[in-house]
Protein backbone atom coordinates (compact mmCIF):
# COMPACT_ATOMS: atom_id res chain seq x y z
CA UNK A 1 0.00 0.00 0.00
CA UNK A 2 1.35 3.43 -0.86
CA UNK A 3 1.97 6.23 1.59
CA UNK A 4 -0.89 8.29 0.20
CA UNK A 5 -3.31 5.36 0.66
CA UNK A 6 -2.12 4.97 4.26
CA UNK A 7 -2.67 8.67 4.91
CA UNK A 8 -6.14 8.50 3.37
CA UNK A 9 -7.06 5.54 5.61
CA UNK A 10 -5.74 7.36 8.68
CA UNK A 11 -7.68 10.49 7.73
CA UNK A 12 -10.88 8.46 7.37
CA UNK A 13 -10.38 6.61 10.65
CA UNK A 14 -9.80 9.85 12.52
CA UNK A 15 -12.82 11.49 10.88
CA UNK A 16 -15.02 8.60 12.04
CA UNK A 17 -13.55 8.89 15.55
CA UNK A 18 -14.32 12.60 15.54
CA UNK A 19 -17.92 11.96 14.49
CA UNK A 20 -18.28 9.43 17.32
CA UNK A 21 -17.02 12.00 19.84
CA UNK A 22 -19.37 14.66 18.46
CA UNK A 23 -22.33 12.30 18.66
CA UNK A 24 -21.37 11.41 22.24
CA UNK A 25 -21.69 15.07 23.19
CA UNK A 26 -25.32 15.12 22.06
CA UNK A 27 -26.39 11.60 23.07
CA UNK A 28 -25.72 11.16 26.79
CA UNK A 29 -27.38 7.73 26.94
CA UNK A 30 -25.03 6.35 24.25
CA UNK A 31 -22.02 8.36 25.39
CA UNK A 32 -19.91 5.49 26.74
CA UNK A 33 -20.48 3.34 23.67
CA UNK A 34 -19.69 6.18 21.27
CA UNK A 35 -16.52 7.17 23.11
CA UNK A 36 -15.41 3.53 23.10
CA UNK A 37 -15.96 3.43 19.35
CA UNK A 38 -13.99 6.66 18.95
CA UNK A 39 -11.06 5.13 20.84
CA UNK A 40 -11.21 2.03 18.63
CA UNK A 41 -11.08 4.14 15.44
CA UNK A 42 -8.16 6.18 16.79
CA UNK A 43 -6.33 2.95 17.61
CA UNK A 44 -6.91 1.72 14.05
CA UNK A 45 -5.33 4.92 12.75
CA UNK A 46 -2.29 4.49 15.01
CA UNK A 47 -1.95 0.82 14.06
CA UNK A 48 -2.09 1.68 10.35
CA UNK A 49 0.76 4.17 10.70
CA UNK A 50 2.83 1.86 12.92
CA UNK A 51 2.44 -1.09 10.55
CA UNK A 52 3.55 1.03 7.62
CA UNK A 53 6.65 2.33 9.38
CA UNK A 54 7.48 -1.12 10.74
CA UNK A 55 7.31 -2.51 7.20
CA UNK A 56 9.66 0.28 6.05
CA UNK A 57 12.16 -0.69 8.75
CA UNK A 58 11.96 2.61 10.60
CA UNK A 59 13.07 2.62 14.23
CA UNK A 60 10.32 2.84 16.83
CA UNK A 61 12.60 4.73 19.19
CA UNK A 62 15.18 7.29 18.13
CA UNK A 63 18.83 6.33 18.24
CA UNK A 64 20.37 9.28 20.08
CA UNK A 65 23.83 9.62 21.55
CA UNK A 66 24.20 11.07 25.04
CA UNK A 67 25.41 14.40 23.60
CA UNK A 68 22.33 14.61 21.35
CA UNK A 69 20.08 13.88 24.32
CA UNK A 70 21.45 16.82 26.29
CA UNK A 71 21.31 19.16 23.29
CA UNK A 72 17.74 18.30 22.36
CA UNK A 73 16.21 17.85 25.80
CA UNK A 74 13.63 20.54 25.03
CA UNK A 75 12.30 18.56 22.04
CA UNK A 76 10.49 15.28 22.41
CA UNK A 77 11.70 12.66 19.94
CA UNK A 78 8.98 11.43 17.63
CA UNK A 79 8.37 8.11 15.92
CA UNK A 80 10.33 9.26 12.88
CA UNK A 81 13.58 9.12 14.79
CA UNK A 82 16.32 11.56 15.61
CA UNK A 83 17.00 12.46 12.00
CA UNK A 84 13.78 14.46 11.87
CA UNK A 85 12.04 12.41 9.24
CA UNK A 86 14.32 9.99 7.45
CA UNK A 87 11.39 7.57 7.24
CA UNK A 88 8.57 9.04 5.18
CA UNK A 89 5.33 7.80 3.77
CA UNK A 90 6.30 6.83 0.25
CA UNK A 91 3.96 8.36 -2.28
CA UNK A 92 2.65 10.97 0.14
CA UNK A 93 2.72 14.54 -1.03
CA UNK A 94 4.73 17.01 1.02
CA UNK A 95 2.87 20.25 1.56
PDB file of N, CA and C in Angstrom:
ATOM      1  N   UNK A   1       0.849  -1.173   0.000  1.00  0.00           N
ATOM      2  CA  UNK A   1       0.000   0.000   0.000  1.00  0.00           C
ATOM      3  C   UNK A   1       0.897   1.240   0.000  1.00  0.00           C
ATOM      4  N   UNK A   2       0.526   2.234  -0.755  1.00  0.00           N
ATOM      5  CA  UNK A   2       1.352   3.435  -0.860  1.00  0.00           C
ATOM      6  C   UNK A   2       1.141   4.355   0.334  1.00  0.00           C
ATOM      7  N   UNK A   3       2.064   5.278   0.487  1.00  0.00           N
ATOM      8  CA  UNK A   3       1.974   6.232   1.586  1.00  0.00           C
ATOM      9  C   UNK A   3       0.717   7.077   1.523  1.00  0.00           C
ATOM     10  N   UNK A   4       0.314   7.462   0.316  1.00  0.00           N
ATOM     11  CA  UNK A   4      -0.893   8.290   0.201  1.00  0.00           C
ATOM     12  C   UNK A   4      -2.143   7.495   0.573  1.00  0.00           C
ATOM     13  N   UNK A   5      -2.165   6.202   0.269  1.00  0.00           N
ATOM     14  CA  UNK A   5      -3.307   5.363   0.657  1.00  0.00           C
ATOM     15  C   UNK A   5      -3.354   5.206   2.176  1.00  0.00           C
ATOM     16  N   UNK A   6      -2.185   5.068   2.794  1.00  0.00           N
ATOM     17  CA  UNK A   6      -2.120   4.972   4.256  1.00  0.00           C
ATOM     18  C   UNK A   6      -2.663   6.254   4.880  1.00  0.00           C
ATOM     19  N   UNK A   7      -2.204   7.395   4.374  1.00  0.00           N
ATOM     20  CA  UNK A   7      -2.671   8.673   4.914  1.00  0.00           C
ATOM     21  C   UNK A   7      -4.172   8.847   4.730  1.00  0.00           C
ATOM     22  N   UNK A   8      -4.697   8.400   3.612  1.00  0.00           N
ATOM     23  CA  UNK A   8      -6.138   8.498   3.372  1.00  0.00           C
ATOM     24  C   UNK A   8      -6.904   7.628   4.368  1.00  0.00           C
ATOM     25  N   UNK A   9      -6.422   6.413   4.617  1.00  0.00           N
ATOM     26  CA  UNK A   9      -7.063   5.545   5.610  1.00  0.00           C
ATOM     27  C   UNK A   9      -7.036   6.188   6.994  1.00  0.00           C
ATOM     28  N   UNK A  10      -5.885   6.721   7.367  1.00  0.00           N
ATOM     29  CA  UNK A  10      -5.742   7.356   8.678  1.00  0.00           C
ATOM     30  C   UNK A  10      -6.688   8.551   8.785  1.00  0.00           C
ATOM     31  N   UNK A  11      -6.778   9.341   7.727  1.00  0.00           N
ATOM     32  CA  UNK A  11      -7.684  10.492   7.728  1.00  0.00           C
ATOM     33  C   UNK A  11      -9.127  10.033   7.929  1.00  0.00           C
ATOM     34  N   UNK A  12      -9.516   8.980   7.242  1.00  0.00           N
ATOM     35  CA  UNK A  12     -10.884   8.464   7.372  1.00  0.00           C
ATOM     36  C   UNK A  12     -11.146   7.925   8.773  1.00  0.00           C
ATOM     37  N   UNK A  13     -10.203   7.162   9.306  1.00  0.00           N
ATOM     38  CA  UNK A  13     -10.378   6.606  10.647  1.00  0.00           C
ATOM     39  C   UNK A  13     -10.540   7.718  11.676  1.00  0.00           C
ATOM     40  N   UNK A  14      -9.727   8.745  11.555  1.00  0.00           N
ATOM     41  CA  UNK A  14      -9.805   9.846  12.519  1.00  0.00           C
ATOM     42  C   UNK A  14     -11.068  10.675  12.331  1.00  0.00           C
ATOM     43  N   UNK A  15     -11.553  10.778  11.113  1.00  0.00           N
ATOM     44  CA  UNK A  15     -12.816  11.487  10.876  1.00  0.00           C
ATOM     45  C   UNK A  15     -13.977  10.734  11.529  1.00  0.00           C
ATOM     46  N   UNK A  16     -13.970   9.413  11.410  1.00  0.00           N
ATOM     47  CA  UNK A  16     -15.019   8.605  12.039  1.00  0.00           C
ATOM     48  C   UNK A  16     -14.941   8.742  13.557  1.00  0.00           C
ATOM     49  N   UNK A  17     -13.723   8.721  14.101  1.00  0.00           N
ATOM     50  CA  UNK A  17     -13.550   8.889  15.547  1.00  0.00           C
ATOM     51  C   UNK A  17     -14.086  10.245  15.995  1.00  0.00           C
ATOM     52  N   UNK A  18     -13.830  11.265  15.206  1.00  0.00           N
ATOM     53  CA  UNK A  18     -14.321  12.601  15.535  1.00  0.00           C
ATOM     54  C   UNK A  18     -15.848  12.643  15.533  1.00  0.00           C
ATOM     55  N   UNK A  19     -16.457  12.005  14.548  1.00  0.00           N
ATOM     56  CA  UNK A  19     -17.923  11.955  14.495  1.00  0.00           C
ATOM     57  C   UNK A  19     -18.496  11.221  15.706  1.00  0.00           C
ATOM     58  N   UNK A  20     -17.831  10.163  16.126  1.00  0.00           N
ATOM     59  CA  UNK A  20     -18.284   9.433  17.323  1.00  0.00           C
ATOM     60  C   UNK A  20     -18.230  10.330  18.557  1.00  0.00           C
ATOM     61  N   UNK A  21     -17.139  11.094  18.694  1.00  0.00           N
ATOM     62  CA  UNK A  21     -17.018  11.998  19.842  1.00  0.00           C
ATOM     63  C   UNK A  21     -18.075  13.103  19.795  1.00  0.00           C
ATOM     64  N   UNK A  22     -18.335  13.626  18.597  1.00  0.00           N
ATOM     65  CA  UNK A  22     -19.365  14.660  18.464  1.00  0.00           C
ATOM     66  C   UNK A  22     -20.743  14.108  18.818  1.00  0.00           C
ATOM     67  N   UNK A  23     -21.035  12.913  18.348  1.00  0.00           N
ATOM     68  CA  UNK A  23     -22.327  12.296  18.656  1.00  0.00           C
ATOM     69  C   UNK A  23     -22.453  12.045  20.156  1.00  0.00           C
ATOM     70  N   UNK A  24     -21.350  11.672  20.798  1.00  0.00           N
ATOM     71  CA  UNK A  24     -21.371  11.412  22.241  1.00  0.00           C
ATOM     72  C   UNK A  24     -21.748  12.667  23.022  1.00  0.00           C
ATOM     73  N   UNK A  25     -21.369  13.815  22.509  1.00  0.00           N
ATOM     74  CA  UNK A  25     -21.693  15.068  23.191  1.00  0.00           C
ATOM     75  C   UNK A  25     -23.194  15.344  23.190  1.00  0.00           C
ATOM     76  N   UNK A  26     -23.894  14.852  22.182  1.00  0.00           N
ATOM     77  CA  UNK A  26     -25.322  15.124  22.057  1.00  0.00           C
ATOM     78  C   UNK A  26     -26.217  13.940  22.424  1.00  0.00           C
ATOM     79  N   UNK A  27     -25.614  12.800  22.720  1.00  0.00           N
ATOM     80  CA  UNK A  27     -26.385  11.603  23.075  1.00  0.00           C
ATOM     81  C   UNK A  27     -25.858  11.024  24.385  1.00  0.00           C
ATOM     82  N   UNK A  28     -26.269  11.585  25.499  1.00  0.00           N
ATOM     83  CA  UNK A  28     -25.721  11.157  26.790  1.00  0.00           C
ATOM     84  C   UNK A  28     -25.982   9.688  27.119  1.00  0.00           C
ATOM     85  N   UNK A  29     -27.071   9.138  26.639  1.00  0.00           N
ATOM     86  CA  UNK A  29     -27.378   7.735  26.940  1.00  0.00           C
ATOM     87  C   UNK A  29     -26.385   6.807  26.232  1.00  0.00           C
ATOM     88  N   UNK A  30     -25.951   7.170  25.039  1.00  0.00           N
ATOM     89  CA  UNK A  30     -25.030   6.346  24.253  1.00  0.00           C
ATOM     90  C   UNK A  30     -23.575   6.808  24.385  1.00  0.00           C
ATOM     91  N   UNK A  31     -23.330   7.726  25.277  1.00  0.00           N
ATOM     92  CA  UNK A  31     -22.018   8.363  25.393  1.00  0.00           C
ATOM     93  C   UNK A  31     -20.876   7.361  25.544  1.00  0.00           C
ATOM     94  N   UNK A  32     -20.996   6.440  26.468  1.00  0.00           N
ATOM     95  CA  UNK A  32     -19.907   5.492  26.737  1.00  0.00           C
ATOM     96  C   UNK A  32     -19.616   4.640  25.506  1.00  0.00           C
ATOM     97  N   UNK A  33     -20.659   4.157  24.865  1.00  0.00           N
ATOM     98  CA  UNK A  33     -20.481   3.338  23.668  1.00  0.00           C
ATOM     99  C   UNK A  33     -19.810   4.130  22.546  1.00  0.00           C
ATOM    100  N   UNK A  34     -20.259   5.358  22.345  1.00  0.00           N
ATOM    101  CA  UNK A  34     -19.694   6.179  21.270  1.00  0.00           C
ATOM    102  C   UNK A  34     -18.240   6.550  21.541  1.00  0.00           C
ATOM    103  N   UNK A  35     -17.908   6.849  22.790  1.00  0.00           N
ATOM    104  CA  UNK A  35     -16.517   7.172  23.113  1.00  0.00           C
ATOM    105  C   UNK A  35     -15.619   5.942  22.987  1.00  0.00           C
ATOM    106  N   UNK A  36     -16.159   4.776  23.291  1.00  0.00           N
ATOM    107  CA  UNK A  36     -15.405   3.533  23.099  1.00  0.00           C
ATOM    108  C   UNK A  36     -15.129   3.313  21.614  1.00  0.00           C
ATOM    109  N   UNK A  37     -16.147   3.556  20.793  1.00  0.00           N
ATOM    110  CA  UNK A  37     -15.960   3.426  19.348  1.00  0.00           C
ATOM    111  C   UNK A  37     -14.928   4.429  18.834  1.00  0.00           C
ATOM    112  N   UNK A  38     -14.961   5.646  19.356  1.00  0.00           N
ATOM    113  CA  UNK A  38     -13.985   6.662  18.946  1.00  0.00           C
ATOM    114  C   UNK A  38     -12.568   6.201  19.270  1.00  0.00           C
ATOM    115  N   UNK A  39     -12.384   5.640  20.460  1.00  0.00           N
ATOM    116  CA  UNK A  39     -11.063   5.127  20.836  1.00  0.00           C
ATOM    117  C   UNK A  39     -10.618   3.998  19.910  1.00  0.00           C
ATOM    118  N   UNK A  40     -11.545   3.138  19.532  1.00  0.00           N
ATOM    119  CA  UNK A  40     -11.205   2.034  18.627  1.00  0.00           C
ATOM    120  C   UNK A  40     -10.770   2.550  17.258  1.00  0.00           C
ATOM    121  N   UNK A  41     -11.458   3.566  16.740  1.00  0.00           N
ATOM    122  CA  UNK A  41     -11.081   4.135  15.440  1.00  0.00           C
ATOM    123  C   UNK A  41      -9.730   4.837  15.519  1.00  0.00           C
ATOM    124  N   UNK A  42      -9.473   5.535  16.622  1.00  0.00           N
ATOM    125  CA  UNK A  42      -8.164   6.178  16.792  1.00  0.00           C
ATOM    126  C   UNK A  42      -7.059   5.126  16.846  1.00  0.00           C
ATOM    127  N   UNK A  43      -7.325   4.017  17.523  1.00  0.00           N
ATOM    128  CA  UNK A  43      -6.330   2.948  17.607  1.00  0.00           C
ATOM    129  C   UNK A  43      -6.067   2.340  16.232  1.00  0.00           C
ATOM    130  N   UNK A  44      -7.104   2.213  15.424  1.00  0.00           N
ATOM    131  CA  UNK A  44      -6.909   1.720  14.054  1.00  0.00           C
ATOM    132  C   UNK A  44      -5.988   2.652  13.274  1.00  0.00           C
ATOM    133  N   UNK A  45      -6.176   3.948  13.447  1.00  0.00           N
ATOM    134  CA  UNK A  45      -5.329   4.918  12.749  1.00  0.00           C
ATOM    135  C   UNK A  45      -3.875   4.769  13.189  1.00  0.00           C
ATOM    136  N   UNK A  46      -3.656   4.654  14.485  1.00  0.00           N
ATOM    137  CA  UNK A  46      -2.293   4.493  15.006  1.00  0.00           C
ATOM    138  C   UNK A  46      -1.679   3.193  14.499  1.00  0.00           C
ATOM    139  N   UNK A  47      -2.453   2.115  14.530  1.00  0.00           N
ATOM    140  CA  UNK A  47      -1.950   0.820  14.059  1.00  0.00           C
ATOM    141  C   UNK A  47      -1.565   0.874  12.585  1.00  0.00           C
ATOM    142  N   UNK A  48      -2.368   1.561  11.785  1.00  0.00           N
ATOM    143  CA  UNK A  48      -2.092   1.677  10.354  1.00  0.00           C
ATOM    144  C   UNK A  48      -0.742   2.361  10.118  1.00  0.00           C
ATOM    145  N   UNK A  49      -0.509   3.440  10.841  1.00  0.00           N
ATOM    146  CA  UNK A  49       0.756   4.169  10.699  1.00  0.00           C
ATOM    147  C   UNK A  49       1.921   3.318  11.198  1.00  0.00           C
ATOM    148  N   UNK A  50       1.750   2.690  12.358  1.00  0.00           N
ATOM    149  CA  UNK A  50       2.827   1.865  12.917  1.00  0.00           C
ATOM    150  C   UNK A  50       3.183   0.704  12.000  1.00  0.00           C
ATOM    151  N   UNK A  51       2.173   0.037  11.450  1.00  0.00           N
ATOM    152  CA  UNK A  51       2.439  -1.088  10.551  1.00  0.00           C
ATOM    153  C   UNK A  51       3.214  -0.630   9.320  1.00  0.00           C
ATOM    154  N   UNK A  52       2.855   0.526   8.795  1.00  0.00           N
ATOM    155  CA  UNK A  52       3.553   1.035   7.615  1.00  0.00           C
ATOM    156  C   UNK A  52       5.021   1.306   7.935  1.00  0.00           C
ATOM    157  N   UNK A  53       5.272   2.012   9.036  1.00  0.00           N
ATOM    158  CA  UNK A  53       6.653   2.335   9.379  1.00  0.00           C
ATOM    159  C   UNK A  53       7.443   1.093   9.772  1.00  0.00           C
ATOM    160  N   UNK A  54       6.802   0.138  10.422  1.00  0.00           N
ATOM    161  CA  UNK A  54       7.484  -1.116  10.743  1.00  0.00           C
ATOM    162  C   UNK A  54       7.888  -1.849   9.468  1.00  0.00           C
ATOM    163  N   UNK A  55       7.009  -1.858   8.473  1.00  0.00           N
ATOM    164  CA  UNK A  55       7.311  -2.512   7.199  1.00  0.00           C
ATOM    165  C   UNK A  55       8.445  -1.797   6.467  1.00  0.00           C
ATOM    166  N   UNK A  56       8.587  -0.491   6.687  1.00  0.00           N
ATOM    167  CA  UNK A  56       9.655   0.277   6.055  1.00  0.00           C
ATOM    168  C   UNK A  56      10.976   0.130   6.799  1.00  0.00           C
ATOM    169  N   UNK A  57      10.946  -0.490   7.972  1.00  0.00           N
ATOM    170  CA  UNK A  57      12.163  -0.687   8.749  1.00  0.00           C
ATOM    171  C   UNK A  57      12.586   0.540   9.531  1.00  0.00           C
ATOM    172  N   UNK A  58      11.656   1.413   9.836  1.00  0.00           N
ATOM    173  CA  UNK A  58      11.965   2.615  10.604  1.00  0.00           C
ATOM    174  C   UNK A  58      12.050   2.269  12.082  1.00  0.00           C
ATOM    175  N   UNK A  59      12.954   2.908  12.799  1.00  0.00           N
ATOM    176  CA  UNK A  59      13.071   2.622  14.233  1.00  0.00           C
ATOM    177  C   UNK A  59      11.857   3.138  14.994  1.00  0.00           C
ATOM    178  N   UNK A  60      11.448   2.390  16.014  1.00  0.00           N
ATOM    179  CA  UNK A  60      10.323   2.836  16.829  1.00  0.00           C
ATOM    180  C   UNK A  60      10.774   3.816  17.893  1.00  0.00           C
ATOM    181  N   UNK A  61      12.053   3.759  18.248  1.00  0.00           N
ATOM    182  CA  UNK A  61      12.603   4.727  19.187  1.00  0.00           C
ATOM    183  C   UNK A  61      13.823   5.358  18.536  1.00  0.00           C
ATOM    184  N   UNK A  62      14.036   6.627  18.754  1.00  0.00           N
ATOM    185  CA  UNK A  62      15.178   7.289  18.133  1.00  0.00           C
ATOM    186  C   UNK A  62      16.498   6.784  18.697  1.00  0.00           C
ATOM    187  N   UNK A  63      17.493   6.737  17.845  1.00  0.00           N
ATOM    188  CA  UNK A  63      18.827   6.327  18.243  1.00  0.00           C
ATOM    189  C   UNK A  63      19.654   7.583  18.498  1.00  0.00           C
ATOM    190  N   UNK A  64      19.674   8.053  19.737  1.00  0.00           N
ATOM    191  CA  UNK A  64      20.373   9.283  20.082  1.00  0.00           C
ATOM    192  C   UNK A  64      21.594   8.974  20.931  1.00  0.00           C
ATOM    193  N   UNK A  65      22.660   9.720  20.681  1.00  0.00           N
ATOM    194  CA  UNK A  65      23.827   9.616  21.546  1.00  0.00           C
ATOM    195  C   UNK A  65      23.576  10.463  22.786  1.00  0.00           C
ATOM    196  N   UNK A  66      24.401  10.306  23.804  1.00  0.00           N
ATOM    197  CA  UNK A  66      24.202  11.072  25.036  1.00  0.00           C
ATOM    198  C   UNK A  66      24.357  12.567  24.797  1.00  0.00           C
ATOM    199  N   UNK A  67      25.248  12.976  23.877  1.00  0.00           N
ATOM    200  CA  UNK A  67      25.406  14.404  23.597  1.00  0.00           C
ATOM    201  C   UNK A  67      24.175  14.961  22.891  1.00  0.00           C
ATOM    202  N   UNK A  68      23.553  14.167  22.014  1.00  0.00           N
ATOM    203  CA  UNK A  68      22.335  14.614  21.347  1.00  0.00           C
ATOM    204  C   UNK A  68      21.186  14.722  22.336  1.00  0.00           C
ATOM    205  N   UNK A  69      21.149  13.834  23.322  1.00  0.00           N
ATOM    206  CA  UNK A  69      20.084  13.882  24.317  1.00  0.00           C
ATOM    207  C   UNK A  69      20.143  15.169  25.125  1.00  0.00           C
ATOM    208  N   UNK A  70      21.337  15.596  25.499  1.00  0.00           N
ATOM    209  CA  UNK A  70      21.447  16.820  26.289  1.00  0.00           C
ATOM    210  C   UNK A  70      21.166  18.048  25.440  1.00  0.00           C
ATOM    211  N   UNK A  71      21.536  18.014  24.161  1.00  0.00           N
ATOM    212  CA  UNK A  71      21.307  19.160  23.286  1.00  0.00           C
ATOM    213  C   UNK A  71      19.842  19.317  22.927  1.00  0.00           C
ATOM    214  N   UNK A  72      19.125  18.222  22.810  1.00  0.00           N
ATOM    215  CA  UNK A  72      17.736  18.302  22.359  1.00  0.00           C
ATOM    216  C   UNK A  72      16.755  17.938  23.464  1.00  0.00           C
ATOM    217  N   UNK A  73      17.096  18.230  24.699  1.00  0.00           N
ATOM    218  CA  UNK A  73      16.211  17.853  25.801  1.00  0.00           C
ATOM    219  C   UNK A  73      14.895  18.617  25.769  1.00  0.00           C
ATOM    220  N   UNK A  74      14.868  19.769  25.111  1.00  0.00           N
ATOM    221  CA  UNK A  74      13.628  20.538  25.033  1.00  0.00           C
ATOM    222  C   UNK A  74      12.647  19.916  24.044  1.00  0.00           C
ATOM    223  N   UNK A  75      13.153  19.190  23.047  1.00  0.00           N
ATOM    224  CA  UNK A  75      12.295  18.564  22.041  1.00  0.00           C
ATOM    225  C   UNK A  75      12.030  17.123  22.410  1.00  0.00           C
ATOM    226  N   UNK A  76      10.809  16.691  22.208  1.00  0.00           N
ATOM    227  CA  UNK A  76      10.493  15.284  22.409  1.00  0.00           C
ATOM    228  C   UNK A  76      10.776  14.544  21.110  1.00  0.00           C
ATOM    229  N   UNK A  77      11.485  13.424  21.162  1.00  0.00           N
ATOM    230  CA  UNK A  77      11.702  12.659  19.936  1.00  0.00           C
ATOM    231  C   UNK A  77      10.389  12.047  19.467  1.00  0.00           C
ATOM    232  N   UNK A  78      10.210  12.010  18.163  1.00  0.00           N
ATOM    233  CA  UNK A  78       8.984  11.434  17.633  1.00  0.00           C
ATOM    234  C   UNK A  78       9.266  10.070  17.021  1.00  0.00           C
ATOM    235  N   UNK A  79       8.245   9.452  16.488  1.00  0.00           N
ATOM    236  CA  UNK A  79       8.370   8.111  15.923  1.00  0.00           C
ATOM    237  C   UNK A  79       9.288   8.094  14.707  1.00  0.00           C
ATOM    238  N   UNK A  80       9.506   9.228  14.081  1.00  0.00           N
ATOM    239  CA  UNK A  80      10.326   9.260  12.879  1.00  0.00           C
ATOM    240  C   UNK A  80      11.812   9.171  13.185  1.00  0.00           C
ATOM    241  N   UNK A  81      12.181   9.266  14.433  1.00  0.00           N
ATOM    242  CA  UNK A  81      13.577   9.120  14.790  1.00  0.00           C
ATOM    243  C   UNK A  81      14.284  10.448  14.931  1.00  0.00           C
ATOM    244  N   UNK A  82      15.541  10.374  15.312  1.00  0.00           N
ATOM    245  CA  UNK A  82      16.318  11.564  15.613  1.00  0.00           C
ATOM    246  C   UNK A  82      16.667  12.367  14.375  1.00  0.00           C
ATOM    247  N   UNK A  83      16.603  11.758  13.215  1.00  0.00           N
ATOM    248  CA  UNK A  83      16.995  12.464  12.001  1.00  0.00           C
ATOM    249  C   UNK A  83      15.954  13.478  11.567  1.00  0.00           C
ATOM    250  N   UNK A  84      14.804  13.492  12.221  1.00  0.00           N
ATOM    251  CA  UNK A  84      13.780  14.456  11.870  1.00  0.00           C
ATOM    252  C   UNK A  84      13.009  14.078  10.625  1.00  0.00           C
ATOM    253  N   UNK A  85      12.907  12.812  10.330  1.00  0.00           N
ATOM    254  CA  UNK A  85      12.041  12.412   9.237  1.00  0.00           C
ATOM    255  C   UNK A  85      12.699  11.587   8.157  1.00  0.00           C
ATOM    256  N   UNK A  86      13.689  10.796   8.483  1.00  0.00           N
ATOM    257  CA  UNK A  86      14.318   9.991   7.446  1.00  0.00           C
ATOM    258  C   UNK A  86      13.368   8.929   6.909  1.00  0.00           C
ATOM    259  N   UNK A  87      12.395   8.524   7.691  1.00  0.00           N
ATOM    260  CA  UNK A  87      11.391   7.573   7.238  1.00  0.00           C
ATOM    261  C   UNK A  87      10.139   8.352   6.890  1.00  0.00           C
ATOM    262  N   UNK A  88       9.743   8.287   5.635  1.00  0.00           N
ATOM    263  CA  UNK A  88       8.574   9.035   5.181  1.00  0.00           C
ATOM    264  C   UNK A  88       7.572   8.089   4.560  1.00  0.00           C
ATOM    265  N   UNK A  89       6.355   8.550   4.476  1.00  0.00           N
ATOM    266  CA  UNK A  89       5.333   7.799   3.774  1.00  0.00           C
ATOM    267  C   UNK A  89       5.619   7.921   2.287  1.00  0.00           C
ATOM    268  N   UNK A  90       5.969   6.826   1.665  1.00  0.00           N
ATOM    269  CA  UNK A  90       6.296   6.827   0.245  1.00  0.00           C
ATOM    270  C   UNK A  90       5.031   7.098  -0.548  1.00  0.00           C
ATOM    271  N   UNK A  91       5.109   8.028  -1.459  1.00  0.00           N
ATOM    272  CA  UNK A  91       3.962   8.362  -2.284  1.00  0.00           C
ATOM    273  C   UNK A  91       3.097   9.453  -1.692  1.00  0.00           C
ATOM    274  N   UNK A  92       3.425   9.899  -0.487  1.00  0.00           N
ATOM    275  CA  UNK A  92       2.646  10.970   0.145  1.00  0.00           C
ATOM    276  C   UNK A  92       3.178  12.310  -0.323  1.00  0.00           C
ATOM    277  N   UNK A  93       2.280  13.215  -0.597  1.00  0.00           N
ATOM    278  CA  UNK A  93       2.721  14.537  -1.035  1.00  0.00           C
ATOM    279  C   UNK A  93       3.199  15.327   0.161  1.00  0.00           C
ATOM    280  N   UNK A  94       4.174  16.174  -0.051  1.00  0.00           N
ATOM    281  CA  UNK A  94       4.727  17.008   1.015  1.00  0.00           C
ATOM    282  C   UNK A  94       4.245  18.424   0.789  1.00  0.00           C
ATOM    283  N   UNK A  95       3.391  18.890   1.700  1.00  0.00           N
ATOM    284  CA  UNK A  95       2.872  20.252   1.565  1.00  0.00           C
ATOM    285  C   UNK A  95       3.335  21.106   2.696  1.00  0.00           C
TER     286      UNK A  95
END
